[in-house]
């Protein structure tokens, strides 16, 4: 029983990394209607920026705050001067642009900081506590709590605020939103800025666990995308549940199903995607899209 609880706790800690990235992807999708494949790269760049300020002697909290502000501006600039050129066209083209942006950002990080693993200081204590016979890292626990708070804030933003409703209106139908008097361009910039901000928070939260490298979130991005599809593209709660479930499930099957083991556990979320999408194409918590004619 102790092994089972430990695997679940470790899975939730791993899942919190996927959750952080998945929430940023959901935010971009809610604000712009796109899936941003560059989200992981932008989060890594934000972590590197915070790392650079720490190396200059700034306190960690101040370095992270500056990184978050710069990330918001970077997200808005990317939307204004890159993505806007492709709005109104084929959505597939914009998706390809985000993949190219991921490659560019990763390359910039590699040129500026190299491929060596860099230690990033943790915001939280590195001690552990015992919970139901399992050893739980305080850092992982605090990261999970922070992410739950972010999820609640996102849910309130999109469902209870005028800004959130305006962002959703622009993502659903930019032309109708413009006719209604909404400043579509500025809202898209805000949406990308907020997503970059969330990515920055995700980057500085997970960097101490993974160590800082240009490809730090490459694998996590795959799991985060799986979580977004499983949970529903329009559901922050759904992606949190799905990402946590993926983290726990891959840990359990790797230990309790020898046929899968650690080598094939990466296939578990994708097997889940096939099953869930056959049953619920909109994801576990996603809304079914109804087109009126």
C-alpha atoms as a PDB file:
ATOM      1  CA  UNK A   1       0.000   0.000   0.000  1.00  0.00           C
ATOM      2  CA  UNK A   2       2.878   2.334   0.818  1.00  0.00           C
ATOM      3  CA  UNK A   3       4.328   1.821  -2.686  1.00  0.00           C
ATOM      4  CA  UNK A   4       0.963   2.587  -4.288  1.00  0.00           C
ATOM      5  CA  UNK A   5       0.541   5.838  -2.339  1.00  0.00           C
ATOM      6  CA  UNK A   6       4.119   6.875  -3.127  1.00  0.00           C
ATOM      7  CA  UNK A   7       3.528   6.246  -6.856  1.00  0.00           C
ATOM      8  CA  UNK A   8       0.330   8.313  -6.762  1.00  0.00           C
ATOM      9  CA  UNK A   9       2.078  11.182  -4.968  1.00  0.00           C
ATOM     10  CA  UNK A  10       5.030  11.094  -7.379  1.00  0.00           C
ATOM     11  CA  UNK A  11       2.589  10.969 -10.306  1.00  0.00           C
ATOM     12  CA  UNK A  12       0.735  14.035  -9.042  1.00  0.00           C
ATOM     13  CA  UNK A  13       4.059  15.874  -8.678  1.00  0.00           C
ATOM     14  CA  UNK A  14       4.994  14.980 -12.272  1.00  0.00           C
ATOM     15  CA  UNK A  15       1.472  15.812 -13.426  1.00  0.00           C
ATOM     16  CA  UNK A  16       1.787  19.311 -11.948  1.00  0.00           C
ATOM     17  CA  UNK A  17       4.483  20.031 -14.567  1.00  0.00           C
ATOM     18  CA  UNK A  18       2.115  18.998 -17.355  1.00  0.00           C
ATOM     19  CA  UNK A  19      -0.703  21.014 -15.746  1.00  0.00           C
ATOM     20  CA  UNK A  20       1.334  24.222 -15.699  1.00  0.00           C
ATOM     21  CA  UNK A  21       1.989  24.021 -19.428  1.00  0.00           C
ATOM     22  CA  UNK A  22      -1.481  22.749 -20.332  1.00  0.00           C
ATOM     23  CA  UNK A  23      -3.146  25.723 -18.590  1.00  0.00           C
ATOM     24  CA  UNK A  24      -1.111  28.133 -20.728  1.00  0.00           C
ATOM     25  CA  UNK A  25      -2.151  26.262 -23.893  1.00  0.00           C
ATOM     26  CA  UNK A  26      -5.816  26.417 -22.844  1.00  0.00           C
ATOM     27  CA  UNK A  27      -5.484  30.149 -22.162  1.00  0.00           C
ATOM     28  CA  UNK A  28      -4.119  30.826 -25.664  1.00  0.00           C
ATOM     29  CA  UNK A  29      -6.853  28.682 -27.196  1.00  0.00           C
ATOM     30  CA  UNK A  30      -9.571  30.463 -25.221  1.00  0.00           C
ATOM     31  CA  UNK A  31      -8.179  33.875 -26.184  1.00  0.00           C
ATOM     32  CA  UNK A  32      -7.247  33.280 -29.824  1.00  0.00           C
ATOM     33  CA  UNK A  33      -8.703  29.941 -30.931  1.00  0.00           C
ATOM     34  CA  UNK A  34      -5.197  28.593 -31.697  1.00  0.00           C
ATOM     35  CA  UNK A  35      -3.050  25.850 -30.214  1.00  0.00           C
ATOM     36  CA  UNK A  36       0.327  27.430 -29.474  1.00  0.00           C
ATOM     37  CA  UNK A  37       3.074  24.834 -29.955  1.00  0.00           C
ATOM     38  CA  UNK A  38       5.637  27.484 -28.960  1.00  0.00           C
ATOM     39  CA  UNK A  39       4.234  27.707 -25.432  1.00  0.00           C
ATOM     40  CA  UNK A  40       6.899  25.410 -23.990  1.00  0.00           C
ATOM     41  CA  UNK A  41       9.729  27.327 -25.679  1.00  0.00           C
ATOM     42  CA  UNK A  42       8.381  30.687 -24.467  1.00  0.00           C
ATOM     43  CA  UNK A  43       8.127  29.308 -20.912  1.00  0.00           C
ATOM     44  CA  UNK A  44      11.750  28.135 -21.086  1.00  0.00           C
ATOM     45  CA  UNK A  45      12.865  31.550 -22.372  1.00  0.00           C
ATOM     46  CA  UNK A  46      11.079  33.214 -19.439  1.00  0.00           C
ATOM     47  CA  UNK A  47      12.882  30.898 -17.005  1.00  0.00           C
ATOM     48  CA  UNK A  48      16.222  31.765 -18.642  1.00  0.00           C
ATOM     49  CA  UNK A  49      15.436  35.496 -18.305  1.00  0.00           C
ATOM     50  CA  UNK A  50      14.717  35.032 -14.583  1.00  0.00           C
ATOM     51  CA  UNK A  51      17.936  32.995 -14.281  1.00  0.00           C
ATOM     52  CA  UNK A  52      19.930  35.798 -15.940  1.00  0.00           C
ATOM     53  CA  UNK A  53      18.603  38.392 -13.484  1.00  0.00           C
ATOM     54  CA  UNK A  54      19.417  36.073 -10.556  1.00  0.00           C
ATOM     55  CA  UNK A  55      22.969  35.775 -11.900  1.00  0.00           C
ATOM     56  CA  UNK A  56      23.148  39.589 -11.938  1.00  0.00           C
ATOM     57  CA  UNK A  57      22.486  39.552  -8.189  1.00  0.00           C
ATOM     58  CA  UNK A  58      18.769  40.324  -8.022  1.00  0.00           C
ATOM     59  CA  UNK A  59      16.632  38.511  -5.421  1.00  0.00           C
ATOM     60  CA  UNK A  60      14.803  35.481  -6.866  1.00  0.00           C
ATOM     61  CA  UNK A  61      11.302  36.897  -6.346  1.00  0.00           C
ATOM     62  CA  UNK A  62      12.218  40.202  -8.033  1.00  0.00           C
ATOM     63  CA  UNK A  63      13.901  38.346 -10.932  1.00  0.00           C
ATOM     64  CA  UNK A  64      10.760  36.254 -11.451  1.00  0.00           C
ATOM     65  CA  UNK A  65       8.498  39.333 -11.346  1.00  0.00           C
ATOM     66  CA  UNK A  66      10.635  41.090 -13.975  1.00  0.00           C
ATOM     67  CA  UNK A  67      10.615  37.916 -16.094  1.00  0.00           C
ATOM     68  CA  UNK A  68       6.806  37.724 -15.874  1.00  0.00           C
ATOM     69  CA  UNK A  69       6.405  41.368 -16.957  1.00  0.00           C
ATOM     70  CA  UNK A  70       8.831  40.918 -19.864  1.00  0.00           C
ATOM     71  CA  UNK A  71       7.037  37.696 -20.852  1.00  0.00           C
ATOM     72  CA  UNK A  72       3.712  39.527 -21.022  1.00  0.00           C
ATOM     73  CA  UNK A  73       5.273  42.118 -23.335  1.00  0.00           C
ATOM     74  CA  UNK A  74       6.946  39.380 -25.408  1.00  0.00           C
ATOM     75  CA  UNK A  75       3.640  37.541 -25.862  1.00  0.00           C
ATOM     76  CA  UNK A  76       1.896  40.741 -26.953  1.00  0.00           C
ATOM     77  CA  UNK A  77       4.728  41.596 -29.393  1.00  0.00           C
ATOM     78  CA  UNK A  78       4.669  38.091 -30.899  1.00  0.00           C
ATOM     79  CA  UNK A  79       0.938  38.408 -31.533  1.00  0.00           C
ATOM     80  CA  UNK A  80       1.160  41.947 -32.919  1.00  0.00           C
ATOM     81  CA  UNK A  81       4.126  41.551 -35.246  1.00  0.00           C
ATOM     82  CA  UNK A  82       4.090  37.817 -36.129  1.00  0.00           C
ATOM     83  CA  UNK A  83       0.807  35.982 -35.586  1.00  0.00           C
ATOM     84  CA  UNK A  84      -1.437  38.843 -36.734  1.00  0.00           C
ATOM     85  CA  UNK A  85      -0.076  38.510 -40.255  1.00  0.00           C
ATOM     86  CA  UNK A  86      -1.688  35.062 -40.418  1.00  0.00           C
ATOM     87  CA  UNK A  87      -5.012  35.821 -38.733  1.00  0.00           C
ATOM     88  CA  UNK A  88      -8.043  35.368 -40.902  1.00  0.00           C
ATOM     89  CA  UNK A  89      -6.179  32.856 -43.054  1.00  0.00           C
ATOM     90  CA  UNK A  90      -5.862  29.107 -42.842  1.00  0.00           C
ATOM     91  CA  UNK A  91      -5.608  28.155 -39.122  1.00  0.00           C
ATOM     92  CA  UNK A  92      -3.174  25.385 -40.060  1.00  0.00           C
ATOM     93  CA  UNK A  93      -0.724  28.032 -41.284  1.00  0.00           C
ATOM     94  CA  UNK A  94      -0.793  29.805 -37.915  1.00  0.00           C
ATOM     95  CA  UNK A  95      -0.161  26.479 -36.164  1.00  0.00           C
ATOM     96  CA  UNK A  96       2.878  25.856 -38.369  1.00  0.00           C
ATOM     97  CA  UNK A  97       4.096  29.371 -37.495  1.00  0.00           C
ATOM     98  CA  UNK A  98       3.937  28.514 -33.776  1.00  0.00           C
ATOM     99  CA  UNK A  99       6.010  25.373 -34.449  1.00  0.00           C
ATOM    100  CA  UNK A 100       8.573  27.536 -36.252  1.00  0.00           C
ATOM    101  CA  UNK A 101       8.507  29.968 -33.336  1.00  0.00           C
ATOM    102  CA  UNK A 102       9.246  27.075 -30.954  1.00  0.00           C
ATOM    103  CA  UNK A 103      12.327  26.162 -33.007  1.00  0.00           C
ATOM    104  CA  UNK A 104      13.466  29.813 -33.111  1.00  0.00           C
ATOM    105  CA  UNK A 105      13.062  30.389 -29.365  1.00  0.00           C
ATOM    106  CA  UNK A 106      14.833  27.113 -28.535  1.00  0.00           C
ATOM    107  CA  UNK A 107      17.705  28.107 -30.819  1.00  0.00           C
ATOM    108  CA  UNK A 108      17.986  31.565 -29.225  1.00  0.00           C
ATOM    109  CA  UNK A 109      18.150  30.005 -25.742  1.00  0.00           C
ATOM    110  CA  UNK A 110      20.841  27.577 -26.925  1.00  0.00           C
ATOM    111  CA  UNK A 111      22.946  30.352 -28.459  1.00  0.00           C
ATOM    112  CA  UNK A 112      22.713  32.611 -25.392  1.00  0.00           C
ATOM    113  CA  UNK A 113      22.987  30.033 -22.588  1.00  0.00           C
ATOM    114  CA  UNK A 114      24.205  26.805 -24.232  1.00  0.00           C
ATOM    115  CA  UNK A 115      22.895  23.247 -23.771  1.00  0.00           C
ATOM    116  CA  UNK A 116      24.440  22.603 -20.345  1.00  0.00           C
ATOM    117  CA  UNK A 117      22.031  21.890 -17.503  1.00  0.00           C
ATOM    118  CA  UNK A 118      21.750  24.958 -15.263  1.00  0.00           C
ATOM    119  CA  UNK A 119      20.503  24.818 -11.694  1.00  0.00           C
ATOM    120  CA  UNK A 120      17.542  27.138 -11.104  1.00  0.00           C
ATOM    121  CA  UNK A 121      16.864  28.202  -7.487  1.00  0.00           C
ATOM    122  CA  UNK A 122      13.583  27.063  -5.988  1.00  0.00           C
ATOM    123  CA  UNK A 123      10.953  29.419  -4.603  1.00  0.00           C
ATOM    124  CA  UNK A 124       9.959  26.812  -2.029  1.00  0.00           C
ATOM    125  CA  UNK A 125      11.857  24.832   0.655  1.00  0.00           C
ATOM    126  CA  UNK A 126      13.571  21.628  -0.478  1.00  0.00           C
ATOM    127  CA  UNK A 127      12.406  19.647   2.537  1.00  0.00           C
ATOM    128  CA  UNK A 128       9.961  16.721   2.572  1.00  0.00           C
ATOM    129  CA  UNK A 129       7.045  15.704   4.770  1.00  0.00           C
ATOM    130  CA  UNK A 130       5.467  12.282   5.369  1.00  0.00           C
ATOM    131  CA  UNK A 131       1.847  11.901   4.266  1.00  0.00           C
ATOM    132  CA  UNK A 132      -0.033   8.568   4.615  1.00  0.00           C
ATOM    133  CA  UNK A 133       3.259   6.692   4.538  1.00  0.00           C
ATOM    134  CA  UNK A 134       4.528   8.503   1.434  1.00  0.00           C
ATOM    135  CA  UNK A 135       7.330  11.047   1.294  1.00  0.00           C
ATOM    136  CA  UNK A 136       6.059  14.294  -0.244  1.00  0.00           C
ATOM    137  CA  UNK A 137       8.365  17.090  -1.366  1.00  0.00           C
ATOM    138  CA  UNK A 138       7.295  20.474   0.011  1.00  0.00           C
ATOM    139  CA  UNK A 139       8.356  22.018  -3.312  1.00  0.00           C
ATOM    140  CA  UNK A 140       6.052  19.688  -5.281  1.00  0.00           C
ATOM    141  CA  UNK A 141       3.213  20.305  -2.833  1.00  0.00           C
ATOM    142  CA  UNK A 142       3.601  24.082  -3.058  1.00  0.00           C
ATOM    143  CA  UNK A 143       3.824  23.879  -6.868  1.00  0.00           C
ATOM    144  CA  UNK A 144       0.586  21.867  -6.995  1.00  0.00           C
ATOM    145  CA  UNK A 145      -1.204  24.357  -4.714  1.00  0.00           C
ATOM    146  CA  UNK A 146       0.029  27.280  -6.847  1.00  0.00           C
ATOM    147  CA  UNK A 147      -1.256  25.599  -9.986  1.00  0.00           C
ATOM    148  CA  UNK A 148      -4.670  24.927  -8.436  1.00  0.00           C
ATOM    149  CA  UNK A 149      -4.894  28.630  -7.527  1.00  0.00           C
ATOM    150  CA  UNK A 150      -3.986  29.555 -11.118  1.00  0.00           C
ATOM    151  CA  UNK A 151      -6.668  27.185 -12.425  1.00  0.00           C
ATOM    152  CA  UNK A 152      -9.333  28.822 -10.227  1.00  0.00           C
ATOM    153  CA  UNK A 153      -8.214  32.301 -11.315  1.00  0.00           C
ATOM    154  CA  UNK A 154      -8.388  31.263 -14.979  1.00  0.00           C
ATOM    155  CA  UNK A 155     -11.848  29.779 -14.534  1.00  0.00           C
ATOM    156  CA  UNK A 156     -13.057  32.988 -12.876  1.00  0.00           C
ATOM    157  CA  UNK A 157     -11.366  35.103 -15.551  1.00  0.00           C
ATOM    158  CA  UNK A 158     -13.163  33.412 -18.432  1.00  0.00           C
ATOM    159  CA  UNK A 159     -16.537  32.924 -16.763  1.00  0.00           C
ATOM    160  CA  UNK A 160     -16.931  35.924 -14.429  1.00  0.00           C
ATOM    161  CA  UNK A 161     -15.097  38.905 -15.943  1.00  0.00           C
ATOM    162  CA  UNK A 162     -15.810  41.169 -18.925  1.00  0.00           C
ATOM    163  CA  UNK A 163     -12.238  40.688 -20.136  1.00  0.00           C
ATOM    164  CA  UNK A 164     -12.626  36.904 -20.136  1.00  0.00           C
ATOM    165  CA  UNK A 165     -15.954  37.043 -21.964  1.00  0.00           C
ATOM    166  CA  UNK A 166     -14.488  39.454 -24.521  1.00  0.00           C
ATOM    167  CA  UNK A 167     -11.484  37.155 -25.078  1.00  0.00           C
ATOM    168  CA  UNK A 168     -13.804  34.192 -25.637  1.00  0.00           C
ATOM    169  CA  UNK A 169     -15.968  36.204 -28.028  1.00  0.00           C
ATOM    170  CA  UNK A 170     -12.909  37.173 -30.089  1.00  0.00           C
ATOM    171  CA  UNK A 171     -11.682  33.565 -30.161  1.00  0.00           C
ATOM    172  CA  UNK A 172     -15.103  32.215 -31.207  1.00  0.00           C
ATOM    173  CA  UNK A 173     -15.812  34.740 -33.953  1.00  0.00           C
ATOM    174  CA  UNK A 174     -13.438  37.697 -34.479  1.00  0.00           C
ATOM    175  CA  UNK A 175     -15.616  39.258 -37.186  1.00  0.00           C
ATOM    176  CA  UNK A 176     -18.751  39.316 -35.012  1.00  0.00           C
ATOM    177  CA  UNK A 177     -16.713  40.574 -32.056  1.00  0.00           C
ATOM    178  CA  UNK A 178     -15.406  43.455 -34.187  1.00  0.00           C
ATOM    179  CA  UNK A 179     -18.950  44.340 -35.308  1.00  0.00           C
ATOM    180  CA  UNK A 180     -19.929  44.426 -31.614  1.00  0.00           C
ATOM    181  CA  UNK A 181     -17.315  47.116 -30.988  1.00  0.00           C
ATOM    182  CA  UNK A 182     -14.706  44.949 -29.280  1.00  0.00           C
ATOM    183  CA  UNK A 183     -11.050  45.945 -29.931  1.00  0.00           C
ATOM    184  CA  UNK A 184     -10.104  42.596 -31.458  1.00  0.00           C
ATOM    185  CA  UNK A 185      -6.428  43.402 -32.036  1.00  0.00           C
ATOM    186  CA  UNK A 186      -5.789  44.623 -28.507  1.00  0.00           C
ATOM    187  CA  UNK A 187      -7.696  41.684 -26.999  1.00  0.00           C
ATOM    188  CA  UNK A 188      -5.595  39.220 -28.997  1.00  0.00           C
ATOM    189  CA  UNK A 189      -2.445  40.934 -27.741  1.00  0.00           C
ATOM    190  CA  UNK A 190      -3.730  40.713 -24.168  1.00  0.00           C
ATOM    191  CA  UNK A 191      -4.590  37.031 -24.660  1.00  0.00           C
ATOM    192  CA  UNK A 192      -1.100  36.183 -25.897  1.00  0.00           C
ATOM    193  CA  UNK A 193       0.430  38.326 -23.163  1.00  0.00           C
ATOM    194  CA  UNK A 194      -1.541  36.546 -20.446  1.00  0.00           C
ATOM    195  CA  UNK A 195      -0.632  33.140 -21.891  1.00  0.00           C
ATOM    196  CA  UNK A 196       3.056  34.105 -21.973  1.00  0.00           C
ATOM    197  CA  UNK A 197       2.722  35.262 -18.349  1.00  0.00           C
ATOM    198  CA  UNK A 198       1.245  31.917 -17.363  1.00  0.00           C
ATOM    199  CA  UNK A 199       4.005  30.169 -19.298  1.00  0.00           C
ATOM    200  CA  UNK A 200       6.591  32.200 -17.385  1.00  0.00           C
ATOM    201  CA  UNK A 201       5.077  31.108 -14.076  1.00  0.00           C
ATOM    202  CA  UNK A 202       5.088  27.496 -15.288  1.00  0.00           C
ATOM    203  CA  UNK A 203       8.717  27.785 -16.400  1.00  0.00           C
ATOM    204  CA  UNK A 204      10.055  29.129 -13.102  1.00  0.00           C
ATOM    205  CA  UNK A 205       7.992  26.589 -11.133  1.00  0.00           C
ATOM    206  CA  UNK A 206       9.275  23.515 -12.974  1.00  0.00           C
ATOM    207  CA  UNK A 207      12.843  24.674 -13.755  1.00  0.00           C
ATOM    208  CA  UNK A 208      14.157  23.717 -10.273  1.00  0.00           C
ATOM    209  CA  UNK A 209      12.782  20.180 -10.737  1.00  0.00           C
ATOM    210  CA  UNK A 210      13.984  19.571 -14.305  1.00  0.00           C
ATOM    211  CA  UNK A 211      17.117  21.814 -14.412  1.00  0.00           C
ATOM    212  CA  UNK A 212      17.269  24.550 -17.018  1.00  0.00           C
ATOM    213  CA  UNK A 213      18.048  23.531 -20.628  1.00  0.00           C
ATOM    214  CA  UNK A 214      16.689  24.793 -23.984  1.00  0.00           C
ATOM    215  CA  UNK A 215      14.689  21.554 -24.397  1.00  0.00           C
ATOM    216  CA  UNK A 216      13.534  21.437 -20.758  1.00  0.00           C
ATOM    217  CA  UNK A 217       9.822  21.294 -21.618  1.00  0.00           C
ATOM    218  CA  UNK A 218       9.912  19.343 -24.901  1.00  0.00           C
ATOM    219  CA  UNK A 219       8.659  16.094 -23.372  1.00  0.00           C
ATOM    220  CA  UNK A 220       6.334  17.911 -20.984  1.00  0.00           C
ATOM    221  CA  UNK A 221       4.785  19.710 -23.988  1.00  0.00           C
ATOM    222  CA  UNK A 222       3.770  16.356 -25.501  1.00  0.00           C
ATOM    223  CA  UNK A 223       2.059  15.323 -22.271  1.00  0.00           C
ATOM    224  CA  UNK A 224       0.494  18.777 -21.857  1.00  0.00           C
ATOM    225  CA  UNK A 225      -1.011  18.612 -25.353  1.00  0.00           C
ATOM    226  CA  UNK A 226      -2.385  15.155 -24.546  1.00  0.00           C
ATOM    227  CA  UNK A 227      -3.897  16.555 -21.335  1.00  0.00           C
ATOM    228  CA  UNK A 228      -5.487  19.474 -23.180  1.00  0.00           C
ATOM    229  CA  UNK A 229      -7.106  17.141 -25.705  1.00  0.00           C
ATOM    230  CA  UNK A 230      -8.266  14.721 -23.014  1.00  0.00           C
ATOM    231  CA  UNK A 231      -9.609  17.411 -20.673  1.00  0.00           C
ATOM    232  CA  UNK A 232     -11.116  19.659 -23.310  1.00  0.00           C
ATOM    233  CA  UNK A 233      -9.615  22.657 -25.074  1.00  0.00           C
ATOM    234  CA  UNK A 234     -11.998  25.059 -23.333  1.00  0.00           C
ATOM    235  CA  UNK A 235     -11.752  23.657 -19.816  1.00  0.00           C
ATOM    236  CA  UNK A 236      -8.984  24.673 -17.345  1.00  0.00           C
ATOM    237  CA  UNK A 237     -10.427  22.225 -14.797  1.00  0.00           C
ATOM    238  CA  UNK A 238     -10.476  19.479 -17.415  1.00  0.00           C
ATOM    239  CA  UNK A 239      -6.818  19.901 -18.338  1.00  0.00           C
ATOM    240  CA  UNK A 240      -5.808  19.890 -14.648  1.00  0.00           C
ATOM    241  CA  UNK A 241      -7.698  16.630 -14.048  1.00  0.00           C
ATOM    242  CA  UNK A 242      -6.376  15.039 -17.247  1.00  0.00           C
ATOM    243  CA  UNK A 243      -2.738  16.078 -16.685  1.00  0.00           C
ATOM    244  CA  UNK A 244      -2.805  14.830 -13.090  1.00  0.00           C
ATOM    245  CA  UNK A 245      -4.393  11.557 -14.218  1.00  0.00           C
ATOM    246  CA  UNK A 246      -1.715  11.100 -16.889  1.00  0.00           C
ATOM    247  CA  UNK A 247       1.063  11.653 -14.344  1.00  0.00           C
ATOM    248  CA  UNK A 248      -0.423   9.126 -11.919  1.00  0.00           C
ATOM    249  CA  UNK A 249      -1.453   6.561 -14.525  1.00  0.00           C
ATOM    250  CA  UNK A 250       1.910   6.375 -16.285  1.00  0.00           C
ATOM    251  CA  UNK A 251       3.592   5.843 -12.909  1.00  0.00           C
ATOM    252  CA  UNK A 252       1.204   3.036 -11.939  1.00  0.00           C
ATOM    253  CA  UNK A 253       1.306   1.142 -15.247  1.00  0.00           C
ATOM    254  CA  UNK A 254       5.117   1.402 -15.402  1.00  0.00           C
ATOM    255  CA  UNK A 255       5.370  -0.456 -12.085  1.00  0.00           C
ATOM    256  CA  UNK A 256       2.305  -2.725 -12.023  1.00  0.00           C
ATOM    257  CA  UNK A 257       2.130  -3.766 -15.715  1.00  0.00           C
ATOM    258  CA  UNK A 258       5.531  -5.291 -16.604  1.00  0.00           C
ATOM    259  CA  UNK A 259       4.563  -5.573 -20.290  1.00  0.00           C
ATOM    260  CA  UNK A 260       4.508  -1.748 -20.500  1.00  0.00           C
ATOM    261  CA  UNK A 261       7.224  -0.861 -17.999  1.00  0.00           C
ATOM    262  CA  UNK A 262       9.104   2.433 -18.031  1.00  0.00           C
ATOM    263  CA  UNK A 263      10.003   2.160 -21.735  1.00  0.00           C
ATOM    264  CA  UNK A 264       6.429   2.194 -23.060  1.00  0.00           C
ATOM    265  CA  UNK A 265       4.711   4.338 -20.435  1.00  0.00           C
ATOM    266  CA  UNK A 266       4.847   7.369 -22.748  1.00  0.00           C
ATOM    267  CA  UNK A 267       2.281   5.576 -24.930  1.00  0.00           C
ATOM    268  CA  UNK A 268      -0.282   5.513 -22.102  1.00  0.00           C
ATOM    269  CA  UNK A 269      -1.696   9.042 -22.588  1.00  0.00           C
ATOM    270  CA  UNK A 270      -2.033   8.506 -26.330  1.00  0.00           C
ATOM    271  CA  UNK A 271      -3.893   5.228 -25.827  1.00  0.00           C
ATOM    272  CA  UNK A 272      -6.183   7.197 -23.502  1.00  0.00           C
ATOM    273  CA  UNK A 273      -6.686   9.848 -26.190  1.00  0.00           C
ATOM    274  CA  UNK A 274      -7.905   7.230 -28.677  1.00  0.00           C
ATOM    275  CA  UNK A 275     -10.401   5.802 -26.194  1.00  0.00           C
ATOM    276  CA  UNK A 276     -11.690   9.137 -24.845  1.00  0.00           C
ATOM    277  CA  UNK A 277     -12.037  10.819 -28.242  1.00  0.00           C
ATOM    278  CA  UNK A 278     -14.108   7.910 -29.540  1.00  0.00           C
ATOM    279  CA  UNK A 279     -16.473   8.289 -26.569  1.00  0.00           C
ATOM    280  CA  UNK A 280     -16.357  12.101 -26.137  1.00  0.00           C
ATOM    281  CA  UNK A 281     -14.751  13.925 -29.115  1.00  0.00           C
ATOM    282  CA  UNK A 282     -14.851  17.250 -27.201  1.00  0.00           C
ATOM    283  CA  UNK A 283     -12.784  15.813 -24.326  1.00  0.00           C
ATOM    284  CA  UNK A 284     -13.836  14.836 -20.800  1.00  0.00           C
ATOM    285  CA  UNK A 285     -14.838  18.363 -19.710  1.00  0.00           C
ATOM    286  CA  UNK A 286     -15.066  20.177 -23.047  1.00  0.00           C
ATOM    287  CA  UNK A 287     -18.215  21.740 -24.452  1.00  0.00           C
ATOM    288  CA  UNK A 288     -19.810  20.184 -27.506  1.00  0.00           C
ATOM    289  CA  UNK A 289     -19.765  22.661 -30.392  1.00  0.00           C
ATOM    290  CA  UNK A 290     -23.194  23.192 -31.943  1.00  0.00           C
ATOM    291  CA  UNK A 291     -23.354  24.913 -35.342  1.00  0.00           C
ATOM    292  CA  UNK A 292     -26.667  26.639 -36.107  1.00  0.00           C
ATOM    293  CA  UNK A 293     -27.660  27.163 -39.722  1.00  0.00           C
END
